[in-house]
Amino acid sequence: MPNNLFLALRNAAEGFEHKNFVSVPEEFSITYESFFELAGRYCSALRTCGVGVGHRVLSKTVKSVDALALYISCLQQGAVFIPVNPQCSKEEFDYLINDSDPTMVVLDAGQVFDSHVKIETIGPSGTLSELALQLSASTECAETVATDVAVILYTSGTTGRPKGVMISHRALITNGSALNQLWGFSQSDILLHALPTFHVHGLFVAMHCAMLSGCEVIFLEKFSVSDVLNNLPLATVFMGVPTYYSRLLSRDDFTEKVCAGIRLFTSGSAPMTEQIHNTFYRRTGNRVLERYGMTEAGIITSNPLQGDRVPGSVGFTLPGVQMRVRSEGKECSPGETGIVEVAGEHLFNGYWRKPRETTEVLLDDGFLITGDIGVLDDNGRLRLKGRDSDLIISGGENIYPKEIELHLDEVDCIGESAVIGIPDEDLGERVIAVIVPFKNFDEQEVKDLLKGKITGLKFPNEFVLIDELPRNSMGKIQKSKLRSAYNEKS
């Protein structure tokens, strides 16, 4: 295994340098050779600006080929790449800069930001881009060790201030190589890429699989139902989040014919309801492959490429991943519910400048406490029941919101749901079901349908209707916002 992800990616491209790598519809395409030359020029520009091994480069840029080349150039130079959401607020951006303490901040051309940190820009007329064009492309790779930090990704901060997750070259190579083989990627594939590139899903899972296999990427600036429908017939692989699939299903022109060339649909970053999974299969003849991962561990489990993809399950561990489910310090037997813990070379190095928070989740035996509640079956297949932080304790009983949400989402007049716990003087917490209804929503009808399926303290004490569930940039429901909004109204 190379000590630097850049070397793994460049070595994988040998033999098809002249093949198209990225195509931006109706704009341009770039070959692998030209892309690595562009990255090499950016590497030379970083070096000229004084960026060295271990220096941090924070990038707040829109999704583009230049931004992707900047990422690869940071790997090549041994710098630490820190991508952040280009839509983040000024307050959030100030926090990220102060916390990460970068050597350089890179923005899109035309953006202005007052900071003590060196500011560069990329894109047409961008200062770093113009400098890169004046320099020859570097082909040298900085000397790094496999455990050196390659990227810092900030968590979405659903339970507080975002934490910087330090991810090593080894973790990225290990996880990317495992996925590349497990999902059967080859240079004949064409990946339709509609994900953002400041998260694990879009930057690591999608792009590393593509580059390690030498396949072509249709690069959409953002997800748009129309753009995806126009380009699906040209692709063989599509990666998305559940929201993407539900929006595609809302269109009558999303048909089996449009998907005829797709060999693999994957979904992650948030749970997919069984209703969406089954509706997608009936509409297209394709079973979406669900997988499970987190920023601190990359991809942990996956449903099989060949074999049953069970709705509601996230499959089996990837090669090299150790997993156990524990409750109150003891390992659970199959069928018992507990907290998922994982170990392996794919794990993060720790949280940036947060040793206490790191030791809270990284155990002495090398396992990471994921904070996800799950249950394994006799075959080792994992089913998730939600986050430990979302667990509701009512009348001394542990209530898993996911169990209730699965039943709610089966009701025809419910679009989607989120179950939360609200403080209660008598029970400790009581169950509230937050519902995005269809027009024909009838609360009594819903209660009648749920009788016998949900009993006792699990039965929602109240149904709250809402137009849209709050989500973060990767589609995860932000239950903390729902709890806060409910408490403010009470």
Protein backbone atom coordinates (compact mmCIF):
# COMPACT_ATOMS: atom_id res chain seq x y z
CA MET A 1 0.00 0.00 0.00
CA PRO A 2 1.39 3.46 -0.92
CA ASN A 3 1.96 5.91 1.93
CA ASN A 4 0.02 8.63 0.11
CA LEU A 5 -3.44 8.49 -1.44
CA PHE A 6 -2.18 10.58 -4.37
CA LEU A 7 0.20 7.77 -5.38
CA ALA A 8 -2.59 5.18 -5.16
CA LEU A 9 -4.82 7.28 -7.42
CA ARG A 10 -2.10 8.16 -9.93
CA ASN A 11 -0.85 4.57 -10.10
CA ALA A 12 -4.40 3.36 -10.75
CA ALA A 13 -4.65 5.70 -13.76
CA GLU A 14 -1.64 4.18 -15.52
CA GLY A 15 -2.68 2.64 -18.82
CA PHE A 16 -5.69 4.85 -19.52
CA GLU A 17 -4.24 8.34 -19.20
CA HIS A 18 -5.93 9.44 -22.43
CA LYS A 19 -9.36 8.27 -21.35
CA ASN A 20 -12.02 10.78 -20.32
CA PHE A 21 -12.07 11.22 -16.56
CA VAL A 22 -14.62 13.95 -15.84
CA SER A 23 -17.31 15.25 -18.16
CA VAL A 24 -19.32 18.33 -17.22
CA PRO A 25 -22.48 18.18 -19.37
CA GLU A 26 -22.68 20.86 -22.07
CA GLU A 27 -19.37 22.37 -20.92
CA PHE A 28 -16.19 20.30 -21.24
CA SER A 29 -14.45 17.04 -20.45
CA ILE A 30 -10.95 16.30 -19.19
CA THR A 31 -8.80 13.19 -19.51
CA TYR A 32 -7.00 11.51 -16.64
CA GLU A 33 -3.68 12.77 -17.99
CA SER A 34 -4.88 16.37 -18.25
CA PHE A 35 -6.50 16.21 -14.83
CA PHE A 36 -3.32 15.03 -13.10
CA GLU A 37 -1.41 17.74 -14.97
CA LEU A 38 -3.87 20.33 -13.64
CA ALA A 39 -3.48 18.92 -10.12
CA GLY A 40 0.30 19.04 -10.58
CA ARG A 41 0.12 22.74 -11.48
CA TYR A 42 -1.95 23.43 -8.37
CA CYS A 43 0.63 21.48 -6.37
CA SER A 44 3.36 23.75 -7.75
CA ALA A 45 1.23 26.78 -6.86
CA LEU A 46 0.74 25.56 -3.30
CA ARG A 47 4.48 25.01 -2.97
CA THR A 48 5.19 28.50 -4.32
CA CYS A 49 2.77 29.93 -1.74
CA GLY A 50 4.64 28.21 1.08
CA VAL A 51 2.23 25.36 1.73
CA GLY A 52 4.16 22.32 2.94
CA VAL A 53 3.68 18.90 4.47
CA GLY A 54 1.13 18.97 7.29
CA HIS A 55 -0.06 22.51 6.50
CA ARG A 56 -3.82 22.89 6.38
CA VAL A 57 -5.66 24.22 3.32
CA LEU A 58 -9.31 25.11 3.90
CA SER A 59 -11.45 25.14 0.75
CA LYS A 60 -14.84 26.87 0.63
CA THR A 61 -15.59 26.45 -3.05
CA VAL A 62 -18.41 25.25 -5.25
CA LYS A 63 -18.21 21.80 -6.79
CA SER A 64 -15.91 22.00 -9.81
CA VAL A 65 -13.06 20.24 -11.58
CA ASP A 66 -10.67 22.91 -10.25
CA ALA A 67 -11.81 22.24 -6.68
CA LEU A 68 -11.30 18.52 -7.23
CA ALA A 69 -7.81 19.17 -8.63
CA LEU A 70 -7.04 21.30 -5.57
CA TYR A 71 -7.91 18.32 -3.36
CA ILE A 72 -5.59 16.01 -5.29
CA SER A 73 -2.83 18.64 -5.24
CA CYS A 74 -3.05 18.88 -1.45
CA LEU A 75 -2.60 15.11 -1.21
CA GLN A 76 0.39 15.33 -3.56
CA GLN A 77 1.98 18.12 -1.53
CA GLY A 78 1.33 16.34 1.77
CA ALA A 79 -0.94 19.16 2.94
CA VAL A 80 -4.16 18.57 4.87
CA PHE A 81 -7.27 19.33 2.80
CA ILE A 82 -10.27 20.79 4.65
CA PRO A 83 -13.39 21.06 2.44
CA VAL A 84 -16.35 22.97 3.89
CA ASN A 85 -19.87 23.64 2.72
CA PRO A 86 -19.78 26.62 0.33
CA GLN A 87 -23.22 27.60 1.65
CA CYS A 88 -22.14 27.82 5.29
CA SER A 89 -22.94 31.04 7.12
CA LYS A 90 -20.34 33.67 8.04
CA GLU A 91 -20.62 32.63 11.68
CA GLU A 92 -20.00 28.98 10.77
CA PHE A 93 -17.11 29.93 8.48
CA ASP A 94 -15.50 32.07 11.18
CA TYR A 95 -15.70 29.14 13.58
CA LEU A 96 -14.17 26.71 11.06
CA ILE A 97 -11.27 29.04 10.31
CA ASN A 98 -10.56 29.71 13.97
CA ASP A 99 -10.80 26.03 14.87
CA SER A 100 -8.77 24.59 11.96
CA ASP A 101 -6.12 27.35 11.93
CA PRO A 102 -5.31 26.89 8.22
CA THR A 103 -2.20 28.06 6.40
CA MET A 104 -4.34 29.00 3.41
CA VAL A 105 -8.03 29.55 2.68
CA VAL A 106 -9.25 28.97 -0.87
CA LEU A 107 -12.44 30.61 -2.12
CA ASP A 108 -14.19 30.87 -5.47
CA ALA A 109 -13.01 33.69 -7.71
CA GLY A 110 -14.84 36.91 -6.86
CA GLN A 111 -15.44 36.03 -3.23
CA VAL A 112 -14.02 38.35 -0.60
CA PHE A 113 -13.35 37.45 3.01
CA ASP A 114 -11.57 39.53 5.62
CA SER A 115 -9.17 37.27 7.48
CA HIS A 116 -5.68 37.14 8.94
CA VAL A 117 -5.18 33.93 6.94
CA LYS A 118 -3.74 33.93 3.42
CA ILE A 119 -6.65 33.96 0.94
CA GLU A 120 -6.45 32.52 -2.58
CA THR A 121 -9.16 31.92 -5.17
CA ILE A 122 -9.77 29.35 -7.89
CA GLY A 123 -11.74 29.30 -11.12
CA PRO A 124 -11.66 31.81 -14.01
CA SER A 125 -9.50 34.78 -12.90
CA GLY A 126 -8.81 33.07 -9.56
CA THR A 127 -5.45 34.03 -8.05
CA LEU A 128 -4.36 30.46 -7.31
CA SER A 129 -5.64 29.25 -10.69
CA GLU A 130 -3.73 31.96 -12.56
CA LEU A 131 -0.57 31.15 -10.64
CA ALA A 132 -1.00 27.45 -11.41
CA LEU A 133 -1.26 28.16 -15.14
CA GLN A 134 2.08 29.97 -15.05
CA LEU A 135 3.89 27.03 -13.45
CA SER A 136 4.90 23.64 -14.75
CA ALA A 137 3.09 20.64 -13.31
CA SER A 138 4.84 18.96 -10.43
CA THR A 139 5.12 15.17 -10.70
CA GLU A 140 6.77 14.68 -7.32
CA CYS A 141 4.84 13.47 -4.31
CA ALA A 142 5.74 14.68 -0.84
CA GLU A 143 7.14 12.15 1.60
CA THR A 144 4.40 11.10 3.98
CA VAL A 145 3.65 8.10 6.15
CA ALA A 146 0.42 6.17 5.80
CA THR A 147 -0.96 7.41 9.11
CA ASP A 148 -0.41 11.10 8.29
CA VAL A 149 -3.60 13.14 8.14
CA ALA A 150 -4.76 13.68 4.56
CA VAL A 151 -8.11 15.37 5.17
CA ILE A 152 -9.99 17.01 8.01
CA LEU A 153 -13.75 16.79 7.56
CA TYR A 154 -15.99 18.69 9.93
CA THR A 155 -18.98 16.81 11.31
CA SER A 156 -22.37 18.29 10.55
CA GLY A 157 -22.78 19.50 14.12
CA THR A 158 -26.29 18.10 14.70
CA THR A 159 -25.50 17.79 18.43
CA GLY A 160 -23.30 20.85 18.96
CA ARG A 161 -20.29 22.57 17.42
CA PRO A 162 -18.74 20.70 14.47
CA LYS A 163 -15.65 18.65 15.24
CA GLY A 164 -12.75 18.23 12.84
CA VAL A 165 -12.36 14.55 11.94
CA MET A 166 -8.74 13.73 11.04
CA ILE A 167 -8.60 11.08 8.30
CA SER A 168 -5.34 9.45 7.25
CA HIS A 169 -4.03 8.40 3.84
CA ARG A 170 -4.18 4.78 5.03
CA ALA A 171 -7.84 5.05 6.05
CA LEU A 172 -8.81 6.53 2.67
CA ILE A 173 -6.84 3.99 0.63
CA THR A 174 -8.11 1.05 2.70
CA ASN A 175 -11.76 2.07 2.47
CA GLY A 176 -11.65 3.13 -1.17
CA SER A 177 -9.93 -0.07 -2.31
CA ALA A 178 -12.41 -2.25 -0.41
CA LEU A 179 -15.42 -0.47 -1.93
CA ASN A 180 -13.91 -0.48 -5.41
CA GLN A 181 -13.66 -4.27 -5.33
CA LEU A 182 -16.85 -4.94 -3.39
CA TRP A 183 -19.02 -2.94 -5.77
CA GLY A 184 -17.33 -4.26 -8.91
CA PHE A 185 -16.07 -0.98 -10.34
CA SER A 186 -14.17 -1.13 -13.64
CA GLN A 187 -12.89 1.30 -16.26
CA SER A 188 -15.98 0.56 -18.35
CA ASP A 189 -18.23 2.16 -15.72
CA ILE A 190 -19.66 5.66 -16.01
CA LEU A 191 -20.56 7.22 -12.66
CA LEU A 192 -23.26 9.89 -12.57
CA HIS A 193 -22.09 12.19 -9.76
CA ALA A 194 -24.70 14.55 -8.28
CA LEU A 195 -23.43 14.64 -4.69
CA PRO A 196 -21.68 17.53 -2.94
CA THR A 197 -17.90 17.15 -2.60
CA PHE A 198 -17.37 18.38 0.94
CA HIS A 199 -18.53 15.11 2.53
CA VAL A 200 -17.42 11.47 2.71
CA HIS A 201 -20.09 10.36 0.25
CA GLY A 202 -19.33 12.65 -2.67
CA LEU A 203 -15.59 13.18 -2.23
CA PHE A 204 -14.36 9.84 -0.91
CA VAL A 205 -16.89 7.13 -1.75
CA ALA A 206 -17.79 8.35 -5.23
CA MET A 207 -14.54 9.91 -6.46
CA HIS A 208 -12.15 7.36 -4.97
CA CYS A 209 -14.13 4.45 -6.45
CA ALA A 210 -14.05 6.19 -9.82
CA MET A 211 -10.36 7.06 -9.78
CA LEU A 212 -9.17 3.71 -8.42
CA SER A 213 -11.01 1.93 -11.24
CA GLY A 214 -10.33 4.39 -14.05
CA CYS A 215 -13.98 4.93 -14.87
CA GLU A 216 -15.54 8.08 -16.30
CA VAL A 217 -17.52 10.55 -14.18
CA ILE A 218 -20.44 12.67 -15.35
CA PHE A 219 -20.01 15.60 -12.98
CA LEU A 220 -23.17 17.54 -12.11
CA GLU A 221 -22.71 20.75 -10.12
CA LYS A 222 -25.60 19.74 -7.87
CA PHE A 223 -28.53 17.38 -7.71
CA SER A 224 -31.37 18.28 -10.01
CA VAL A 225 -34.09 15.79 -10.95
CA SER A 226 -34.10 16.99 -14.55
CA ASP A 227 -30.31 16.84 -14.90
CA VAL A 228 -30.19 13.36 -13.39
CA LEU A 229 -32.98 12.12 -15.66
CA ASN A 230 -31.18 13.54 -18.71
CA ASN A 231 -27.91 11.81 -17.83
CA LEU A 232 -29.03 8.50 -16.31
CA PRO A 233 -29.27 6.82 -19.74
CA LEU A 234 -25.55 7.56 -20.23
CA ALA A 235 -24.40 6.10 -16.90
CA THR A 236 -23.88 2.70 -15.28
CA VAL A 237 -23.66 3.75 -11.61
CA PHE A 238 -25.56 6.33 -9.57
CA MET A 239 -24.92 7.20 -5.93
CA GLY A 240 -27.43 9.17 -3.92
CA VAL A 241 -29.13 9.87 -0.62
CA PRO A 242 -32.73 8.81 0.09
CA THR A 243 -34.01 12.31 -0.71
CA TYR A 244 -32.65 11.99 -4.26
CA TYR A 245 -34.55 8.75 -4.78
CA SER A 246 -37.84 10.03 -3.36
CA ARG A 247 -37.62 13.08 -5.65
CA LEU A 248 -36.88 10.93 -8.68
CA LEU A 249 -39.87 8.75 -7.84
CA SER A 250 -42.10 11.84 -7.80
CA ARG A 251 -41.56 12.17 -11.56
CA ASP A 252 -43.65 10.08 -13.95
CA ASP A 253 -40.83 10.13 -16.51
CA PHE A 254 -38.52 8.30 -14.11
CA THR A 255 -39.05 4.85 -15.60
CA GLU A 256 -37.38 1.49 -16.00
CA LYS A 257 -36.36 2.54 -19.51
CA VAL A 258 -34.40 5.55 -18.20
CA CYS A 259 -32.51 3.23 -15.82
CA ALA A 260 -31.87 0.47 -18.35
CA GLY A 261 -28.09 0.98 -18.40
CA ILE A 262 -27.60 1.35 -14.64
CA ARG A 263 -25.98 -1.67 -13.01
CA LEU A 264 -25.79 -0.15 -9.53
CA PHE A 265 -27.79 2.35 -7.49
CA THR A 266 -26.38 3.02 -4.02
CA SER A 267 -27.80 5.00 -1.12
CA GLY A 268 -26.30 6.26 2.11
CA SER A 269 -25.75 9.23 4.44
CA ALA A 270 -29.26 8.76 5.84
CA PRO A 271 -31.63 5.79 6.27
CA MET A 272 -33.88 4.85 3.35
CA THR A 273 -37.42 3.88 4.25
CA GLU A 274 -38.64 0.46 3.19
CA GLN A 275 -41.45 2.24 1.33
CA ILE A 276 -39.00 4.12 -0.91
CA HIS A 277 -36.86 1.00 -1.37
CA ASN A 278 -39.81 -1.13 -2.49
CA THR A 279 -41.41 1.59 -4.62
CA PHE A 280 -38.09 2.11 -6.39
CA TYR A 281 -37.85 -1.61 -7.12
CA ARG A 282 -41.39 -1.78 -8.50
CA ARG A 283 -40.79 1.26 -10.70
CA THR A 284 -37.33 0.42 -12.07
CA GLY A 285 -36.64 -3.26 -11.45
CA ASN A 286 -33.52 -2.21 -9.49
CA ARG A 287 -32.86 -2.82 -5.80
CA VAL A 288 -31.01 0.12 -4.27
CA LEU A 289 -27.83 -1.00 -2.49
CA GLU A 290 -27.84 0.55 0.97
CA ARG A 291 -24.62 0.95 2.89
CA TYR A 292 -23.69 2.42 6.25
CA GLY A 293 -20.85 4.70 7.19
CA MET A 294 -19.83 7.74 9.16
CA THR A 295 -17.23 10.48 8.88
CA GLU A 296 -15.05 8.89 11.56
CA ALA A 297 -14.97 5.45 9.91
CA GLY A 298 -15.75 5.77 6.22
CA ILE A 299 -18.01 3.01 4.92
CA ILE A 300 -18.55 0.26 7.49
CA THR A 301 -21.13 -2.10 5.98
CA SER A 302 -22.76 -2.68 2.62
CA ASN A 303 -25.49 -4.80 1.16
CA PRO A 304 -24.04 -7.26 -1.36
CA LEU A 305 -23.48 -6.49 -5.03
CA GLN A 306 -24.62 -10.03 -5.79
CA GLY A 307 -27.24 -11.41 -3.41
CA ASP A 308 -30.21 -10.18 -1.43
CA ARG A 309 -30.42 -6.47 -0.65
CA VAL A 310 -32.81 -6.47 2.27
CA PRO A 311 -34.89 -3.29 2.77
CA GLY A 312 -34.13 -1.73 6.14
CA SER A 313 -30.78 -3.50 6.42
CA VAL A 314 -27.36 -1.97 5.76
CA GLY A 315 -25.72 -5.31 5.06
CA PHE A 316 -22.43 -6.85 6.11
CA THR A 317 -19.05 -5.48 7.16
CA LEU A 318 -16.53 -4.52 4.51
CA PRO A 319 -13.31 -6.55 4.27
CA GLY A 320 -10.95 -5.49 7.05
CA VAL A 321 -13.71 -4.06 9.24
CA GLN A 322 -14.35 -5.52 12.69
CA MET A 323 -17.77 -4.86 14.19
CA ARG A 324 -19.55 -5.71 17.41
CA VAL A 325 -22.79 -4.64 19.08
CA ARG A 326 -22.55 -4.00 22.82
CA SER A 327 -24.93 -3.03 25.60
CA GLU A 328 -23.83 -2.05 29.11
CA GLY A 329 -20.29 -3.23 28.43
CA LYS A 330 -21.27 -6.70 27.21
CA GLU A 331 -21.32 -7.97 23.64
CA CYS A 332 -24.84 -8.64 22.37
CA SER A 333 -25.99 -11.93 20.89
CA PRO A 334 -27.69 -11.91 17.47
CA GLY A 335 -31.10 -10.32 17.78
CA GLU A 336 -30.16 -8.19 20.78
CA THR A 337 -30.03 -4.40 20.47
CA GLY A 338 -27.00 -2.35 21.44
CA ILE A 339 -24.48 0.25 20.32
CA VAL A 340 -22.47 -0.50 17.17
CA GLU A 341 -18.69 -0.42 17.63
CA VAL A 342 -16.13 -0.85 14.84
CA ALA A 343 -12.37 -1.26 14.44
CA GLY A 344 -9.90 -1.38 11.56
CA GLU A 345 -7.46 0.64 9.46
CA HIS A 346 -10.36 2.67 8.07
CA LEU A 347 -10.86 4.56 11.34
CA PHE A 348 -10.02 8.23 11.82
CA ASN A 349 -6.97 9.42 13.78
CA GLY A 350 -9.04 11.47 16.22
CA TYR A 351 -10.78 14.84 16.50
CA TRP A 352 -8.67 17.88 15.65
CA ARG A 353 -7.41 19.49 18.87
CA LYS A 354 -10.06 17.65 20.92
CA PRO A 355 -8.28 14.86 22.83
CA ARG A 356 -11.04 14.51 25.44
CA GLU A 357 -13.76 14.03 22.82
CA THR A 358 -11.49 11.57 21.01
CA THR A 359 -10.99 9.37 24.08
CA GLU A 360 -14.74 9.39 24.68
CA VAL A 361 -15.34 7.46 21.44
CA LEU A 362 -12.05 5.61 20.76
CA LEU A 363 -11.65 2.72 23.18
CA ASP A 364 -8.36 1.27 24.42
CA ASP A 365 -8.86 -1.91 22.37
CA GLY A 366 -9.06 0.11 19.13
CA PHE A 367 -12.83 0.09 18.70
CA LEU A 368 -14.83 3.21 17.87
CA ILE A 369 -18.17 3.83 19.58
CA THR A 370 -20.33 4.90 16.63
CA GLY A 371 -23.29 6.08 18.70
CA ASP A 372 -25.61 4.15 16.37
CA ILE A 373 -28.07 1.65 17.79
CA GLY A 374 -28.20 -1.60 15.87
CA VAL A 375 -28.90 -5.31 15.89
CA LEU A 376 -27.12 -8.14 14.08
CA ASP A 377 -28.91 -11.20 12.74
CA ASP A 378 -27.53 -14.74 12.78
CA ASN A 379 -25.77 -14.14 9.46
CA GLY A 380 -24.02 -10.94 10.55
CA ARG A 381 -26.33 -8.59 8.69
CA LEU A 382 -26.78 -5.23 10.46
CA ARG A 383 -30.03 -3.36 10.94
CA LEU A 384 -29.90 0.14 12.44
CA LYS A 385 -32.49 1.46 14.87
CA GLY A 386 -31.33 5.06 15.19
CA ARG A 387 -28.85 7.16 17.13
CA ASP A 388 -28.11 6.60 20.78
CA SER A 389 -28.69 10.34 21.26
CA ASP A 390 -32.22 9.90 19.82
CA LEU A 391 -33.15 7.06 22.19
CA ILE A 392 -36.35 7.83 24.10
CA ILE A 393 -36.69 6.60 27.68
CA SER A 394 -40.33 6.71 28.70
CA GLY A 395 -41.54 5.22 31.97
CA GLY A 396 -38.20 3.41 32.27
CA GLU A 397 -38.65 1.74 28.87
CA ASN A 398 -36.13 2.15 26.04
CA ILE A 399 -37.98 3.24 22.90
CA TYR A 400 -36.23 3.25 19.53
CA PRO A 401 -37.72 5.91 17.23
CA LYS A 402 -36.79 3.94 14.10
CA GLU A 403 -39.20 1.13 15.03
CA ILE A 404 -42.09 3.59 15.19
CA GLU A 405 -41.01 5.49 12.07
CA LEU A 406 -41.02 2.28 10.01
CA HIS A 407 -44.70 1.75 10.82
CA LEU A 408 -45.60 5.39 10.24
CA ASP A 409 -43.90 5.46 6.85
CA GLU A 410 -46.02 2.51 5.72
CA VAL A 411 -49.20 4.60 6.05
CA ASP A 412 -50.33 5.94 2.67
CA CYS A 413 -51.26 9.42 3.90
CA ILE A 414 -47.83 9.99 5.47
CA GLY A 415 -45.01 11.28 3.30
CA GLU A 416 -42.28 10.86 5.92
CA SER A 417 -41.93 10.95 9.67
CA ALA A 418 -39.57 11.61 12.56
CA VAL A 419 -40.21 10.43 16.11
CA ILE A 420 -38.77 12.43 19.01
CA GLY A 421 -38.90 12.37 22.78
CA ILE A 422 -40.17 15.39 24.71
CA PRO A 423 -39.64 15.92 28.47
CA ASP A 424 -42.56 14.74 30.59
CA GLU A 425 -42.88 15.15 34.38
CA ASP A 426 -44.53 11.77 34.85
CA LEU A 427 -42.84 9.52 32.26
CA GLY A 428 -39.51 11.28 31.86
CA GLU A 429 -40.13 11.54 28.13
CA ARG A 430 -43.15 11.08 25.92
CA VAL A 431 -43.30 10.11 22.26
CA ILE A 432 -44.12 12.72 19.62
CA ALA A 433 -44.53 11.85 15.94
CA VAL A 434 -43.63 14.67 13.56
CA ILE A 435 -45.36 14.05 10.24
CA VAL A 436 -45.02 15.39 6.71
CA PRO A 437 -48.56 14.57 5.52
CA PHE A 438 -50.10 14.03 2.15
CA LYS A 439 -53.26 16.05 1.42
CA ASN A 440 -55.61 13.27 2.58
CA PHE A 441 -54.04 12.96 6.04
CA ASP A 442 -56.50 11.78 8.70
CA GLU A 443 -55.11 11.47 12.24
CA GLN A 444 -57.80 9.08 13.45
CA GLU A 445 -57.26 6.84 10.45
CA VAL A 446 -53.53 6.78 11.21
CA LYS A 447 -54.18 5.88 14.85
CA ASP A 448 -56.52 3.07 13.81
CA LEU A 449 -53.94 1.67 11.38
CA LEU A 450 -51.20 1.77 14.01
CA LYS A 451 -53.21 -0.08 16.66
CA GLY A 452 -51.76 -3.52 17.18
CA LYS A 453 -48.51 -2.53 15.49
CA ILE A 454 -47.38 0.03 18.08
CA THR A 455 -48.46 -0.48 21.66
CA GLY A 456 -48.05 0.98 25.13
CA LEU A 457 -45.65 3.85 25.65
CA LYS A 458 -44.38 3.53 22.08
CA PHE A 459 -47.69 4.81 20.71
CA PRO A 460 -47.26 8.51 19.82
CA ASN A 461 -48.72 10.80 22.44
CA GLU A 462 -49.17 13.50 19.83
CA PHE A 463 -48.99 13.95 16.04
CA VAL A 464 -47.41 17.18 14.84
CA LEU A 465 -47.82 18.14 11.18
CA ILE A 466 -45.01 19.94 9.39
CA ASP A 467 -44.35 20.94 5.77
CA GLU A 468 -40.78 19.65 5.65
CA LEU A 469 -38.39 17.88 8.01
CA PRO A 470 -35.21 19.85 8.77
CA ARG A 471 -32.15 18.17 7.26
CA ASN A 472 -28.45 18.82 7.07
CA SER A 473 -26.57 19.08 3.77
CA MET A 474 -26.46 15.30 3.35
CA GLY A 475 -30.14 14.68 4.02
CA LYS A 476 -29.95 13.57 7.65
CA ILE A 477 -32.95 14.63 9.70
CA GLN A 478 -31.96 17.10 12.42
CA LYS A 479 -34.05 15.90 15.34
CA SER A 480 -32.43 18.39 17.69
CA LYS A 481 -34.12 21.16 15.69
CA LEU A 482 -37.46 19.37 15.91
CA ARG A 483 -37.12 19.04 19.68
CA SER A 484 -36.15 22.70 20.04
CA ALA A 485 -39.02 23.88 17.84
CA TYR A 486 -41.53 21.79 19.79
CA ASN A 487 -40.27 23.01 23.17
CA GLU A 488 -40.47 26.64 22.02
CA LYS A 489 -44.13 26.19 21.06
CA SER A 490 -45.03 24.39 24.30
